[in-house]
Amino acid sequence: MPLKISLFAWRLLRDRLPTTDNLIKRHFLHPNAQLCVGGCGMIEDAKHLFLSCDFFGKLWYGISNRLGYNIVFLENVSDHLYQFGTFSGFSNSKHSALNLIWLSCV
């Protein structure tokens, strides 16, 4: 896996990406500029942007449907990675492939 993808995933799982809420916390943006870039009108944070956004979150429904599984959206991104990578019935080698699919999608 390329280093930049590993670093991106590391930053995502530790909530260190420059999402609007993180930029407001660090005083780079004005608190009024907190809406999602997807245009859904919700406050942008990592969980919303990558899992529950009406614009970007649809990706997970398509992928889980293609794999034949239903995903329950959990409270944080790391739980989503764990759930996605450990679909029941798959061997350990397929778990690695599912983790790679997850990383590619984020």
N, C-alpha and C. Protein backbone atom coordinates (compact mmCIF):
# COMPACT_ATOMS: atom_id res chain seq x y z
N MET A 1 0.85 -1.17 0.00
CA MET A 1 0.00 0.00 0.00
C MET A 1 0.90 1.24 0.00
N PRO A 2 0.58 2.22 -0.82
CA PRO A 2 1.40 3.44 -0.85
C PRO A 2 1.39 4.17 0.49
N LEU A 3 2.49 4.81 0.78
CA LEU A 3 2.66 5.52 2.05
C LEU A 3 1.60 6.60 2.24
N LYS A 4 1.26 7.33 1.17
CA LYS A 4 0.30 8.42 1.33
C LYS A 4 -1.09 7.90 1.71
N ILE A 5 -1.45 6.69 1.27
CA ILE A 5 -2.73 6.11 1.67
C ILE A 5 -2.68 5.69 3.13
N SER A 6 -1.57 5.11 3.54
CA SER A 6 -1.41 4.73 4.96
C SER A 6 -1.48 5.95 5.87
N LEU A 7 -0.83 7.03 5.47
CA LEU A 7 -0.86 8.25 6.28
C LEU A 7 -2.25 8.86 6.32
N PHE A 8 -2.94 8.84 5.18
CA PHE A 8 -4.30 9.36 5.14
C PHE A 8 -5.20 8.56 6.07
N ALA A 9 -5.11 7.24 6.01
CA ALA A 9 -5.93 6.38 6.87
C ALA A 9 -5.59 6.62 8.34
N TRP A 10 -4.31 6.75 8.64
CA TRP A 10 -3.89 7.01 10.02
C TRP A 10 -4.50 8.32 10.52
N ARG A 11 -4.44 9.36 9.69
CA ARG A 11 -5.01 10.66 10.07
C ARG A 11 -6.53 10.58 10.19
N LEU A 12 -7.18 9.83 9.32
CA LEU A 12 -8.62 9.68 9.38
C LEU A 12 -9.05 8.97 10.66
N LEU A 13 -8.39 7.89 10.99
CA LEU A 13 -8.75 7.11 12.18
C LEU A 13 -8.46 7.86 13.48
N ARG A 14 -7.59 8.85 13.43
CA ARG A 14 -7.28 9.64 14.62
C ARG A 14 -7.90 11.03 14.58
N ASP A 15 -8.81 11.24 13.64
CA ASP A 15 -9.53 12.50 13.46
C ASP A 15 -8.57 13.68 13.32
N ARG A 16 -7.59 13.52 12.45
CA ARG A 16 -6.58 14.55 12.21
C ARG A 16 -6.65 15.12 10.79
N LEU A 17 -7.73 14.83 10.07
CA LEU A 17 -7.89 15.40 8.73
C LEU A 17 -8.39 16.83 8.82
N PRO A 18 -8.11 17.64 7.82
CA PRO A 18 -8.56 19.04 7.86
C PRO A 18 -10.04 19.18 7.48
N THR A 19 -10.91 18.51 8.25
CA THR A 19 -12.34 18.70 8.05
C THR A 19 -12.73 20.06 8.63
N THR A 20 -13.90 20.51 8.27
CA THR A 20 -14.33 21.84 8.71
C THR A 20 -14.33 21.96 10.22
N ASP A 21 -14.84 20.94 10.91
CA ASP A 21 -14.88 21.03 12.38
C ASP A 21 -13.48 21.11 12.99
N ASN A 22 -12.50 20.37 12.42
CA ASN A 22 -11.13 20.45 12.93
C ASN A 22 -10.49 21.80 12.63
N LEU A 23 -10.79 22.36 11.47
CA LEU A 23 -10.24 23.68 11.14
C LEU A 23 -10.85 24.77 12.02
N ILE A 24 -12.10 24.62 12.40
CA ILE A 24 -12.72 25.58 13.32
C ILE A 24 -12.11 25.45 14.71
N LYS A 25 -11.88 24.21 15.16
CA LYS A 25 -11.26 24.00 16.48
C LYS A 25 -9.87 24.61 16.55
N ARG A 26 -9.16 24.62 15.43
CA ARG A 26 -7.80 25.16 15.39
C ARG A 26 -7.77 26.63 14.96
N HIS A 27 -8.94 27.24 14.86
CA HIS A 27 -9.11 28.66 14.54
C HIS A 27 -8.59 29.05 13.16
N PHE A 28 -8.72 28.11 12.19
CA PHE A 28 -8.39 28.44 10.81
C PHE A 28 -9.61 28.92 10.03
N LEU A 29 -10.78 28.52 10.49
CA LEU A 29 -12.03 28.93 9.85
C LEU A 29 -12.94 29.60 10.88
N HIS A 30 -13.82 30.43 10.39
CA HIS A 30 -14.82 31.07 11.25
C HIS A 30 -15.88 30.02 11.60
N PRO A 31 -16.42 30.05 12.82
CA PRO A 31 -17.42 29.06 13.24
C PRO A 31 -18.67 29.01 12.36
N ASN A 32 -18.95 30.06 11.60
CA ASN A 32 -20.11 30.03 10.73
C ASN A 32 -19.89 29.16 9.49
N ALA A 33 -18.66 28.80 9.20
CA ALA A 33 -18.34 28.03 7.99
C ALA A 33 -18.21 26.55 8.32
N GLN A 34 -19.22 25.95 8.91
CA GLN A 34 -19.09 24.57 9.36
C GLN A 34 -19.91 23.56 8.56
N LEU A 35 -20.50 23.97 7.46
CA LEU A 35 -21.34 23.06 6.70
C LEU A 35 -20.52 22.16 5.78
N CYS A 36 -21.05 21.00 5.50
CA CYS A 36 -20.40 19.98 4.70
C CYS A 36 -20.18 20.45 3.27
N VAL A 37 -19.03 20.06 2.70
CA VAL A 37 -18.71 20.42 1.32
C VAL A 37 -19.56 19.66 0.32
N GLY A 38 -20.25 18.62 0.76
CA GLY A 38 -21.12 17.86 -0.12
C GLY A 38 -22.44 18.55 -0.40
N GLY A 39 -22.70 19.64 0.30
CA GLY A 39 -23.91 20.40 0.07
C GLY A 39 -25.15 19.83 0.74
N CYS A 40 -24.98 18.97 1.73
CA CYS A 40 -26.13 18.36 2.38
C CYS A 40 -26.68 19.21 3.53
N GLY A 41 -25.93 20.24 3.94
CA GLY A 41 -26.40 21.13 4.98
C GLY A 41 -26.07 20.71 6.40
N MET A 42 -25.35 19.63 6.59
CA MET A 42 -24.99 19.15 7.93
C MET A 42 -23.60 19.67 8.30
N ILE A 43 -23.28 19.58 9.58
CA ILE A 43 -21.96 19.97 10.06
C ILE A 43 -20.94 18.91 9.62
N GLU A 44 -19.82 19.38 9.07
CA GLU A 44 -18.83 18.46 8.52
C GLU A 44 -17.82 18.04 9.57
N ASP A 45 -17.79 16.75 9.83
CA ASP A 45 -16.72 16.12 10.60
C ASP A 45 -16.37 14.83 9.89
N ALA A 46 -15.37 14.11 10.36
CA ALA A 46 -14.90 12.92 9.65
C ALA A 46 -15.98 11.86 9.56
N LYS A 47 -16.70 11.62 10.64
CA LYS A 47 -17.76 10.61 10.63
C LYS A 47 -18.81 10.97 9.60
N HIS A 48 -19.26 12.22 9.62
CA HIS A 48 -20.28 12.63 8.67
C HIS A 48 -19.77 12.54 7.24
N LEU A 49 -18.59 13.07 7.00
CA LEU A 49 -18.07 13.16 5.64
C LEU A 49 -17.85 11.79 5.01
N PHE A 50 -17.31 10.84 5.78
CA PHE A 50 -16.96 9.55 5.21
C PHE A 50 -18.02 8.48 5.39
N LEU A 51 -19.00 8.68 6.27
CA LEU A 51 -19.98 7.63 6.51
C LEU A 51 -21.42 8.03 6.26
N SER A 52 -21.84 9.19 6.72
CA SER A 52 -23.27 9.47 6.71
C SER A 52 -23.71 10.61 5.82
N CYS A 53 -22.82 11.22 5.10
CA CYS A 53 -23.18 12.32 4.20
C CYS A 53 -24.06 11.79 3.06
N ASP A 54 -25.11 12.53 2.73
CA ASP A 54 -25.99 12.11 1.64
C ASP A 54 -25.25 12.02 0.31
N PHE A 55 -24.24 12.83 0.14
CA PHE A 55 -23.50 12.85 -1.13
C PHE A 55 -22.39 11.79 -1.16
N PHE A 56 -21.54 11.76 -0.14
CA PHE A 56 -20.39 10.86 -0.13
C PHE A 56 -20.69 9.50 0.49
N GLY A 57 -21.61 9.43 1.44
CA GLY A 57 -21.90 8.19 2.16
C GLY A 57 -22.58 7.13 1.33
N LYS A 58 -23.15 7.49 0.18
CA LYS A 58 -23.82 6.51 -0.67
C LYS A 58 -22.87 5.46 -1.21
N LEU A 59 -21.60 5.77 -1.23
CA LEU A 59 -20.60 4.83 -1.70
C LEU A 59 -20.65 3.52 -0.91
N TRP A 60 -20.80 3.61 0.41
CA TRP A 60 -20.79 2.42 1.26
C TRP A 60 -21.99 1.53 1.00
N TYR A 61 -23.13 2.13 0.70
CA TYR A 61 -24.30 1.32 0.37
C TYR A 61 -24.08 0.54 -0.92
N GLY A 62 -23.48 1.19 -1.91
CA GLY A 62 -23.20 0.51 -3.17
C GLY A 62 -22.20 -0.62 -3.01
N ILE A 63 -21.17 -0.38 -2.22
CA ILE A 63 -20.14 -1.41 -2.03
C ILE A 63 -20.70 -2.60 -1.24
N SER A 64 -21.40 -2.31 -0.15
CA SER A 64 -21.95 -3.41 0.65
C SER A 64 -23.00 -4.18 -0.13
N ASN A 65 -23.78 -3.49 -0.95
CA ASN A 65 -24.77 -4.16 -1.79
C ASN A 65 -24.07 -5.06 -2.80
N ARG A 66 -22.99 -4.57 -3.39
CA ARG A 66 -22.22 -5.35 -4.37
C ARG A 66 -21.62 -6.60 -3.73
N LEU A 67 -21.19 -6.48 -2.46
CA LEU A 67 -20.62 -7.63 -1.75
C LEU A 67 -21.69 -8.54 -1.17
N GLY A 68 -22.95 -8.07 -1.16
CA GLY A 68 -24.05 -8.88 -0.64
C GLY A 68 -24.24 -8.80 0.86
N TYR A 69 -23.80 -7.71 1.48
CA TYR A 69 -23.93 -7.52 2.91
C TYR A 69 -24.59 -6.19 3.22
N ASN A 70 -25.24 -6.14 4.37
CA ASN A 70 -25.80 -4.88 4.86
C ASN A 70 -24.87 -4.32 5.92
N ILE A 71 -24.63 -3.02 5.84
CA ILE A 71 -23.76 -2.36 6.80
C ILE A 71 -24.61 -1.52 7.74
N VAL A 72 -24.32 -1.63 9.03
CA VAL A 72 -24.91 -0.76 10.03
C VAL A 72 -23.89 0.33 10.31
N PHE A 73 -24.27 1.59 10.12
CA PHE A 73 -23.32 2.67 10.32
C PHE A 73 -23.14 2.93 11.80
N LEU A 74 -21.92 2.77 12.24
CA LEU A 74 -21.59 2.88 13.66
C LEU A 74 -21.20 4.31 14.01
N GLU A 75 -20.81 4.50 15.25
CA GLU A 75 -20.56 5.84 15.76
C GLU A 75 -19.25 6.47 15.30
N ASN A 76 -18.29 5.67 14.91
CA ASN A 76 -17.03 6.28 14.48
C ASN A 76 -16.40 5.51 13.32
N VAL A 77 -15.42 6.10 12.72
CA VAL A 77 -14.80 5.57 11.50
C VAL A 77 -14.03 4.29 11.79
N SER A 78 -13.35 4.20 12.93
CA SER A 78 -12.57 2.99 13.22
C SER A 78 -13.48 1.78 13.40
N ASP A 79 -14.66 1.96 14.01
CA ASP A 79 -15.61 0.85 14.13
C ASP A 79 -16.13 0.44 12.75
N HIS A 80 -16.31 1.41 11.87
CA HIS A 80 -16.75 1.10 10.51
C HIS A 80 -15.70 0.27 9.77
N LEU A 81 -14.44 0.63 9.91
CA LEU A 81 -13.36 -0.15 9.30
C LEU A 81 -13.36 -1.56 9.84
N TYR A 82 -13.50 -1.71 11.15
CA TYR A 82 -13.50 -3.05 11.76
C TYR A 82 -14.67 -3.86 11.24
N GLN A 83 -15.85 -3.25 11.21
CA GLN A 83 -17.04 -3.96 10.74
C GLN A 83 -16.89 -4.35 9.27
N PHE A 84 -16.41 -3.44 8.46
CA PHE A 84 -16.27 -3.69 7.02
C PHE A 84 -15.23 -4.78 6.76
N GLY A 85 -14.17 -4.78 7.51
CA GLY A 85 -13.09 -5.75 7.29
C GLY A 85 -13.33 -7.11 7.87
N THR A 86 -14.36 -7.26 8.68
CA THR A 86 -14.61 -8.55 9.33
C THR A 86 -15.98 -9.10 9.02
N PHE A 87 -16.46 -8.91 7.79
CA PHE A 87 -17.72 -9.54 7.41
C PHE A 87 -17.63 -11.02 7.70
N SER A 88 -18.68 -11.57 8.28
CA SER A 88 -18.64 -12.99 8.64
C SER A 88 -18.63 -13.86 7.39
N GLY A 89 -17.98 -15.00 7.51
CA GLY A 89 -17.93 -15.96 6.43
C GLY A 89 -16.73 -15.83 5.51
N PHE A 90 -15.90 -14.81 5.71
CA PHE A 90 -14.73 -14.64 4.86
C PHE A 90 -13.49 -15.16 5.56
N SER A 91 -12.56 -15.66 4.77
CA SER A 91 -11.29 -16.14 5.31
C SER A 91 -10.41 -14.94 5.66
N ASN A 92 -9.28 -15.22 6.30
CA ASN A 92 -8.36 -14.15 6.69
C ASN A 92 -7.80 -13.41 5.48
N SER A 93 -7.55 -14.12 4.39
CA SER A 93 -7.04 -13.45 3.21
C SER A 93 -8.08 -12.49 2.62
N LYS A 94 -9.34 -12.84 2.72
CA LYS A 94 -10.40 -11.95 2.22
C LYS A 94 -10.58 -10.76 3.16
N HIS A 95 -10.28 -10.93 4.45
CA HIS A 95 -10.34 -9.80 5.38
C HIS A 95 -9.34 -8.73 4.95
N SER A 96 -8.15 -9.15 4.54
CA SER A 96 -7.14 -8.20 4.07
C SER A 96 -7.61 -7.49 2.81
N ALA A 97 -8.25 -8.24 1.93
CA ALA A 97 -8.78 -7.64 0.70
C ALA A 97 -9.89 -6.63 1.02
N LEU A 98 -10.73 -6.94 2.00
CA LEU A 98 -11.80 -6.02 2.38
C LEU A 98 -11.22 -4.75 3.01
N ASN A 99 -10.17 -4.90 3.81
CA ASN A 99 -9.51 -3.71 4.37
C ASN A 99 -8.92 -2.85 3.27
N LEU A 100 -8.36 -3.48 2.25
CA LEU A 100 -7.81 -2.74 1.12
C LEU A 100 -8.92 -2.01 0.35
N ILE A 101 -10.07 -2.67 0.18
CA ILE A 101 -11.23 -2.02 -0.47
C ILE A 101 -11.65 -0.80 0.34
N TRP A 102 -11.71 -0.95 1.67
CA TRP A 102 -12.12 0.17 2.53
C TRP A 102 -11.15 1.33 2.39
N LEU A 103 -9.86 1.03 2.43
CA LEU A 103 -8.86 2.09 2.29
C LEU A 103 -8.94 2.77 0.94
N SER A 104 -9.20 2.01 -0.10
CA SER A 104 -9.33 2.59 -1.44
C SER A 104 -10.53 3.51 -1.53
N CYS A 105 -11.59 3.16 -0.83
CA CYS A 105 -12.81 3.98 -0.89
C CYS A 105 -12.70 5.27 -0.11
N VAL A 106 -12.00 5.24 1.01
CA VAL A 106 -11.85 6.50 1.75
C VAL A 106 -10.81 7.37 1.08
